[in-house]
C-alpha atoms as a PDB file:
ATOM      1  CA  MET A   1     121.952 123.587 113.859  1.00  0.00           C
ATOM      2  CA  PRO A   2     123.179 120.046 113.105  1.00  0.00           C
ATOM      3  CA  LEU A   3     120.923 117.684 111.175  1.00  0.00           C
ATOM      4  CA  THR A   4     119.375 114.793 113.062  1.00  0.00           C
ATOM      5  CA  GLU A   5     116.935 112.066 112.051  1.00  0.00           C
ATOM      6  CA  ALA A   6     114.347 113.439 114.472  1.00  0.00           C
ATOM      7  CA  GLY A   7     114.706 116.928 113.011  1.00  0.00           C
ATOM      8  CA  ILE A   8     114.397 115.598 109.463  1.00  0.00           C
ATOM      9  CA  TYR A   9     111.235 113.675 110.334  1.00  0.00           C
ATOM     10  CA  ALA A  10     109.683 116.661 112.096  1.00  0.00           C
ATOM     11  CA  ALA A  11     110.341 118.922 109.103  1.00  0.00           C
ATOM     12  CA  ALA A  12     108.995 116.290 106.713  1.00  0.00           C
ATOM     13  CA  LEU A  13     105.815 115.987 108.768  1.00  0.00           C
ATOM     14  CA  ARG A  14     105.254 119.724 108.544  1.00  0.00           C
ATOM     15  CA  LEU A  15     105.604 119.569 104.757  1.00  0.00           C
ATOM     16  CA  ILE A  16     103.250 116.575 104.517  1.00  0.00           C
ATOM     17  CA  ASP A  17     100.632 118.199 106.758  1.00  0.00           C
ATOM     18  CA  ALA A  18     100.709 121.274 104.554  1.00  0.00           C
ATOM     19  CA  ASP A  19     100.939 119.855 101.033  1.00  0.00           C
ATOM     20  CA  GLY A  20     100.598 116.058 101.177  1.00  0.00           C
ATOM     21  CA  VAL A  21     102.969 113.143 100.721  1.00  0.00           C
ATOM     22  CA  GLU A  22     103.218 113.612  96.962  1.00  0.00           C
ATOM     23  CA  ALA A  23     104.671 117.108  97.430  1.00  0.00           C
ATOM     24  CA  LEU A  24     107.482 115.907  99.669  1.00  0.00           C
ATOM     25  CA  THR A  25     110.879 115.722  97.981  1.00  0.00           C
ATOM     26  CA  MET A  26     114.371 115.491  99.404  1.00  0.00           C
ATOM     27  CA  ARG A  27     115.172 118.855  97.806  1.00  0.00           C
ATOM     28  CA  LYS A  28     112.190 120.585  99.423  1.00  0.00           C
ATOM     29  CA  LEU A  29     113.052 118.978 102.719  1.00  0.00           C
ATOM     30  CA  ALA A  30     116.625 120.251 102.477  1.00  0.00           C
ATOM     31  CA  THR A  31     115.353 123.756 101.722  1.00  0.00           C
ATOM     32  CA  VAL A  32     113.130 123.752 104.811  1.00  0.00           C
ATOM     33  CA  LEU A  33     116.050 122.543 106.896  1.00  0.00           C
ATOM     34  CA  ASP A  34     118.423 125.067 105.256  1.00  0.00           C
ATOM     35  CA  ALA A  35     120.749 122.208 104.390  1.00  0.00           C
ATOM     36  CA  ASN A  36     122.512 120.810 101.364  1.00  0.00           C
ATOM     37  CA  PRO A  37     120.281 118.100  99.812  1.00  0.00           C
ATOM     38  CA  MET A  38     123.161 115.640  99.739  1.00  0.00           C
ATOM     39  CA  SER A  39     123.693 116.041 103.485  1.00  0.00           C
ATOM     40  CA  LEU A  40     120.286 114.477 104.130  1.00  0.00           C
ATOM     41  CA  TYR A  41     121.509 111.192 102.717  1.00  0.00           C
ATOM     42  CA  HIS A  42     123.953 110.849 105.575  1.00  0.00           C
ATOM     43  CA  HIS A  43     120.909 110.330 107.817  1.00  0.00           C
ATOM     44  CA  VAL A  44     118.204 108.839 105.568  1.00  0.00           C
ATOM     45  CA  PRO A  45     118.752 106.922 102.309  1.00  0.00           C
ATOM     46  CA  ASN A  46     115.687 108.119 100.408  1.00  0.00           C
ATOM     47  CA  LYS A  47     112.179 109.568 100.553  1.00  0.00           C
ATOM     48  CA  GLU A  48     110.625 106.197 101.434  1.00  0.00           C
ATOM     49  CA  ALA A  49     112.871 105.959 104.479  1.00  0.00           C
ATOM     50  CA  VAL A  50     111.793 109.465 105.485  1.00  0.00           C
ATOM     51  CA  LEU A  51     108.135 108.492 105.195  1.00  0.00           C
ATOM     52  CA  ARG A  52     108.667 105.393 107.306  1.00  0.00           C
ATOM     53  CA  GLY A  53     110.507 107.418 109.912  1.00  0.00           C
ATOM     54  CA  VAL A  54     107.753 110.027 110.028  1.00  0.00           C
ATOM     55  CA  THR A  55     105.116 107.317 110.326  1.00  0.00           C
ATOM     56  CA  ARG A  56     106.952 105.642 113.195  1.00  0.00           C
ATOM     57  CA  MET A  57     107.362 108.991 114.923  1.00  0.00           C
ATOM     58  CA  VAL A  58     103.649 109.790 114.687  1.00  0.00           C
ATOM     59  CA  GLY A  59     102.616 106.257 115.662  1.00  0.00           C
ATOM     60  CA  SER A  60     104.780 106.372 118.770  1.00  0.00           C
ATOM     61  CA  GLN A  61     102.941 109.517 119.851  1.00  0.00           C
ATOM     62  CA  PHE A  62      99.619 107.675 120.067  1.00  0.00           C
ATOM     63  CA  ARG A  63      98.106 107.856 123.525  1.00  0.00           C
ATOM     64  CA  THR A  64      94.849 106.563 124.926  1.00  0.00           C
ATOM     65  CA  VAL A  65      93.268 106.579 128.356  1.00  0.00           C
ATOM     66  CA  THR A  66      93.652 103.262 130.186  1.00  0.00           C
ATOM     67  CA  LEU A  67      90.374 102.135 131.756  1.00  0.00           C
ATOM     68  CA  GLU A  68      91.332  98.733 133.104  1.00  0.00           C
ATOM     69  CA  ASN A  69      88.205  98.418 135.243  1.00  0.00           C
ATOM     70  CA  ALA A  70      85.793  99.500 132.499  1.00  0.00           C
ATOM     71  CA  PRO A  71      83.924  97.001 130.302  1.00  0.00           C
ATOM     72  CA  TRP A  72      86.011  95.902 127.340  1.00  0.00           C
ATOM     73  CA  GLN A  73      83.372  97.335 125.001  1.00  0.00           C
ATOM     74  CA  GLU A  74      83.927 100.818 126.430  1.00  0.00           C
ATOM     75  CA  ARG A  75      87.697 100.388 126.281  1.00  0.00           C
ATOM     76  CA  ILE A  76      87.720  99.373 122.624  1.00  0.00           C
ATOM     77  CA  ARG A  77      85.466 102.297 121.696  1.00  0.00           C
ATOM     78  CA  LEU A  78      87.799 104.736 123.423  1.00  0.00           C
ATOM     79  CA  LEU A  79      90.893 103.171 121.878  1.00  0.00           C
ATOM     80  CA  ALA A  80      89.513 103.343 118.340  1.00  0.00           C
ATOM     81  CA  THR A  81      88.172 106.875 118.840  1.00  0.00           C
ATOM     82  CA  ASP A  82      91.552 108.093 120.103  1.00  0.00           C
ATOM     83  CA  PHE A  83      93.205 106.428 117.100  1.00  0.00           C
ATOM     84  CA  ARG A  84      90.774 108.264 114.811  1.00  0.00           C
ATOM     85  CA  THR A  85      91.719 111.529 116.539  1.00  0.00           C
ATOM     86  CA  LEU A  86      95.392 110.845 115.757  1.00  0.00           C
ATOM     87  CA  ALA A  87      94.523 110.095 112.131  1.00  0.00           C
ATOM     88  CA  HIS A  88      92.695 113.409 111.803  1.00  0.00           C
ATOM     89  CA  ARG A  89      95.629 115.232 113.367  1.00  0.00           C
ATOM     90  CA  HIS A  90      97.798 114.203 110.396  1.00  0.00           C
ATOM     91  CA  PRO A  91      95.251 113.127 107.745  1.00  0.00           C
ATOM     92  CA  LYS A  92      97.507 113.267 104.688  1.00  0.00           C
ATOM     93  CA  LEU A  93     100.243 111.191 106.268  1.00  0.00           C
ATOM     94  CA  MET A  94      97.849 108.672 107.824  1.00  0.00           C
ATOM     95  CA  ALA A  95      95.836 108.174 104.634  1.00  0.00           C
ATOM     96  CA  TYR A  96      99.082 107.418 102.820  1.00  0.00           C
ATOM     97  CA  SER A  97     100.370 105.117 105.567  1.00  0.00           C
ATOM     98  CA  PHE A  98      97.157 103.092 105.746  1.00  0.00           C
ATOM     99  CA  SER A  99      97.182 102.614 101.963  1.00  0.00           C
ATOM    100  CA  HIS A 100     100.888 102.207 101.175  1.00  0.00           C
ATOM    101  CA  GLN A 101     102.561 100.785 104.274  1.00  0.00           C
ATOM    102  CA  PRO A 102     101.188  97.331 105.115  1.00  0.00           C
ATOM    103  CA  ASP A 103     103.605  97.146 108.050  1.00  0.00           C
ATOM    104  CA  PHE A 104     102.321 100.446 109.437  1.00  0.00           C
ATOM    105  CA  ILE A 105     101.197  98.750 112.678  1.00  0.00           C
ATOM    106  CA  GLN A 106     103.927  96.833 114.498  1.00  0.00           C
ATOM    107  CA  ARG A 107     103.695  94.562 117.541  1.00  0.00           C
ATOM    108  CA  GLU A 108     105.231  97.202 119.828  1.00  0.00           C
ATOM    109  CA  ASP A 109     102.933 100.037 118.688  1.00  0.00           C
ATOM    110  CA  PRO A 110     100.885 101.534 121.561  1.00  0.00           C
ATOM    111  CA  PHE A 111      97.654 100.982 119.628  1.00  0.00           C
ATOM    112  CA  LEU A 112      98.237  97.272 119.083  1.00  0.00           C
ATOM    113  CA  VAL A 113      99.541  96.750 122.628  1.00  0.00           C
ATOM    114  CA  ALA A 114      96.383  98.332 124.040  1.00  0.00           C
ATOM    115  CA  LEU A 115      94.119  96.438 121.630  1.00  0.00           C
ATOM    116  CA  THR A 116      95.730  93.118 122.573  1.00  0.00           C
ATOM    117  CA  ALA A 117      95.151  93.823 126.270  1.00  0.00           C
ATOM    118  CA  ILE A 118      91.506  94.667 125.606  1.00  0.00           C
ATOM    119  CA  LEU A 119      90.893  91.497 123.590  1.00  0.00           C
ATOM    120  CA  ASP A 120      92.495  89.457 126.360  1.00  0.00           C
ATOM    121  CA  ALA A 121      90.250  91.135 128.937  1.00  0.00           C
ATOM    122  CA  ALA A 122      87.238  90.416 126.716  1.00  0.00           C
ATOM    123  CA  GLY A 123      87.983  86.703 126.895  1.00  0.00           C
ATOM    124  CA  VAL A 124      89.351  86.128 123.399  1.00  0.00           C
ATOM    125  CA  PRO A 125      91.527  82.969 123.567  1.00  0.00           C
ATOM    126  CA  LEU A 126      95.242  83.764 123.414  1.00  0.00           C
ATOM    127  CA  SER A 127      95.624  81.704 120.240  1.00  0.00           C
ATOM    128  CA  LYS A 128      92.909  83.805 118.534  1.00  0.00           C
ATOM    129  CA  ILE A 129      94.097  87.251 119.643  1.00  0.00           C
ATOM    130  CA  PRO A 130      96.513  87.862 116.717  1.00  0.00           C
ATOM    131  CA  GLU A 131      93.928  87.159 114.018  1.00  0.00           C
ATOM    132  CA  THR A 132      91.183  88.999 115.906  1.00  0.00           C
ATOM    133  CA  ALA A 133      93.427  92.022 116.365  1.00  0.00           C
ATOM    134  CA  ALA A 134      94.314  91.866 112.659  1.00  0.00           C
ATOM    135  CA  VAL A 135      90.640  92.001 111.701  1.00  0.00           C
ATOM    136  CA  VAL A 136      89.943  94.927 114.027  1.00  0.00           C
ATOM    137  CA  CYS A 137      92.983  96.812 112.683  1.00  0.00           C
ATOM    138  CA  ALA A 138      91.956  96.121 109.094  1.00  0.00           C
ATOM    139  CA  VAL A 139      88.402  97.342 109.626  1.00  0.00           C
ATOM    140  CA  VAL A 140      89.358 100.463 111.575  1.00  0.00           C
ATOM    141  CA  THR A 141      92.181 101.532 109.249  1.00  0.00           C
ATOM    142  CA  GLY A 142      90.083 100.692 106.202  1.00  0.00           C
ATOM    143  CA  VAL A 143      87.223 102.906 107.337  1.00  0.00           C
ATOM    144  CA  LEU A 144      89.632 105.690 108.317  1.00  0.00           C
ATOM    145  CA  THR A 145      91.308 105.486 104.901  1.00  0.00           C
ATOM    146  CA  ALA A 146      87.937 105.910 103.209  1.00  0.00           C
ATOM    147  CA  GLU A 147      87.084 108.769 105.551  1.00  0.00           C
ATOM    148  CA  LEU A 148      90.369 110.617 105.066  1.00  0.00           C
ATOM    149  CA  ASN A 149      90.433 110.311 101.263  1.00  0.00           C
ATOM    150  CA  GLY A 150      86.794 111.333 100.902  1.00  0.00           C
ATOM    151  CA  ALA A 151      85.474 107.981  99.677  1.00  0.00           C
ATOM    152  CA  LEU A 152      83.313 107.425 102.752  1.00  0.00           C
ATOM    153  CA  HIS A 153      81.522 110.725 102.246  1.00  0.00           C
ATOM    154  CA  GLN A 154      81.040 109.913  98.571  1.00  0.00           C
ATOM    155  CA  TRP A 155      79.656 106.437  99.271  1.00  0.00           C
ATOM    156  CA  ALA A 156      77.311 107.736 101.954  1.00  0.00           C
ATOM    157  CA  ASN A 157      75.833 110.181  99.433  1.00  0.00           C
ATOM    158  CA  ILE A 158      74.947 107.486  96.882  1.00  0.00           C
ATOM    159  CA  LYS A 159      71.180 107.331  96.658  1.00  0.00           C
ATOM    160  CA  PRO A 160      69.690 103.839  96.978  1.00  0.00           C
ATOM    161  CA  LEU A 161      67.775 102.358  94.060  1.00  0.00           C
ATOM    162  CA  ILE A 162      64.813 101.612  96.313  1.00  0.00           C
ATOM    163  CA  ALA A 163      62.240 104.340  96.905  1.00  0.00           C
ATOM    164  CA  PRO A 164      63.354 106.665  99.724  1.00  0.00           C
ATOM    165  CA  THR A 165      61.256 107.078 102.847  1.00  0.00           C
ATOM    166  CA  ALA A 166      61.085 110.129 105.061  1.00  0.00           C
ATOM    167  CA  ASP A 167      63.072 110.082 108.271  1.00  0.00           C
ATOM    168  CA  ASP A 168      61.806 111.179 111.689  1.00  0.00           C
ATOM    169  CA  ASN A 169      62.051 114.809 110.643  1.00  0.00           C
ATOM    170  CA  GLY A 170      60.118 114.210 107.473  1.00  0.00           C
ATOM    171  CA  SER A 171      63.192 114.599 105.287  1.00  0.00           C
ATOM    172  CA  THR A 172      64.695 112.109 102.859  1.00  0.00           C
ATOM    173  CA  ASN A 173      68.065 113.889 102.615  1.00  0.00           C
ATOM    174  CA  SER A 174      70.788 114.074 105.243  1.00  0.00           C
ATOM    175  CA  ASP A 175      74.460 114.947 105.072  1.00  0.00           C
ATOM    176  CA  PRO A 176      76.502 111.923 106.167  1.00  0.00           C
ATOM    177  CA  ASP A 177      77.980 112.294 109.657  1.00  0.00           C
ATOM    178  CA  GLU A 178      81.350 110.559 109.485  1.00  0.00           C
ATOM    179  CA  GLU A 179      81.714 110.453 113.252  1.00  0.00           C
ATOM    180  CA  ARG A 180      78.347 108.717 113.508  1.00  0.00           C
ATOM    181  CA  ILE A 181      79.372 106.274 110.781  1.00  0.00           C
ATOM    182  CA  PHE A 182      82.564 105.504 112.716  1.00  0.00           C
ATOM    183  CA  ARG A 183      80.473 104.767 115.814  1.00  0.00           C
ATOM    184  CA  LEU A 184      78.382 102.421 113.687  1.00  0.00           C
ATOM    185  CA  VAL A 185      81.570 100.635 112.634  1.00  0.00           C
ATOM    186  CA  LEU A 186      82.566 100.220 116.288  1.00  0.00           C
ATOM    187  CA  ASP A 187      79.076  98.930 117.132  1.00  0.00           C
ATOM    188  CA  THR A 188      79.465  96.336 114.392  1.00  0.00           C
ATOM    189  CA  ILE A 189      82.912  95.248 115.598  1.00  0.00           C
ATOM    190  CA  ILE A 190      81.752  94.963 119.198  1.00  0.00           C
ATOM    191  CA  THR A 191      78.575  93.094 118.291  1.00  0.00           C
ATOM    192  CA  GLY A 192      80.601  90.643 116.226  1.00  0.00           C
ATOM    193  CA  LEU A 193      83.054  90.046 119.070  1.00  0.00           C
ATOM    194  CA  GLU A 194      80.233  89.621 121.577  1.00  0.00           C
ATOM    195  CA  SER A 195      78.559  87.022 119.372  1.00  0.00           C
ATOM    196  CA  ARG A 196      81.769  84.997 119.164  1.00  0.00           C
ATOM    197  CA  LEU A 197      82.367  85.217 122.902  1.00  0.00           C
ATOM    198  CA  THR A 198      78.838  84.161 123.859  1.00  0.00           C
ATOM    199  CA  PRO A 199      78.818  80.574 125.176  1.00  0.00           C
ATOM    200  CA  ASP A 200      76.916  78.072 123.061  1.00  0.00           C
ATOM    201  CA  ARG A 201      74.791  75.216 124.408  1.00  0.00           C
ATOM    202  CA  ASP A 202      77.918  73.265 125.340  1.00  0.00           C
ATOM    203  CA  GLY A 203      79.310  76.179 127.334  1.00  0.00           C
ATOM    204  CA  GLN A 204      81.998  76.959 124.758  1.00  0.00           C
ATOM    205  CA  ALA A 205      82.385  80.378 123.216  1.00  0.00           C
ATOM    206  CA  ALA A 206      81.778  80.482 119.474  1.00  0.00           C
ATOM    207  CA  GLY A 207      84.958  80.342 117.454  1.00  0.00           C
ATOM    208  CA  ARG A 208      87.114  78.898 120.243  1.00  0.00           C
END
């Protein structure tokens, strides 16, 4: 079967899902593809190019439900939750991409296109949409990076220096629920956006 870029990326993704980005080498990739290692270089120049191709391939697969008539708050929750689902589908690749590829999200990516439409529907001024979208992307990918590499779980288990108090069940210990923490992050993003879009005494939204 002839080598193609798409076939190379698909094989690389399988290796990354199984063993992580660090385990991916051009030689291992050639073995999986039953090809001469040098033949790969006719399609991709190096491992970094493979990683970028795999990342683009996975990013293009992102899908979310379009709820144009729903409140923007509900739409942004669904968008971010679907993005989290994609990240957990390929956690090793996505953790690497978030941390090592600052251009991971491009203007034509389905996630950013959908986010831009939601911010516009929310009433964010057109001139402020790029920076607002950048902040949302930074927060969401930052939290997902911490979740995927285990840091979020570690941080959530740090005991506070203040004296603990019993919760509603009478317990002072609880295993951190990362999905619940992600919902808290979305609550914080939405509350922040709402506060900036609330008209002040002069009838102007804050931050306009």
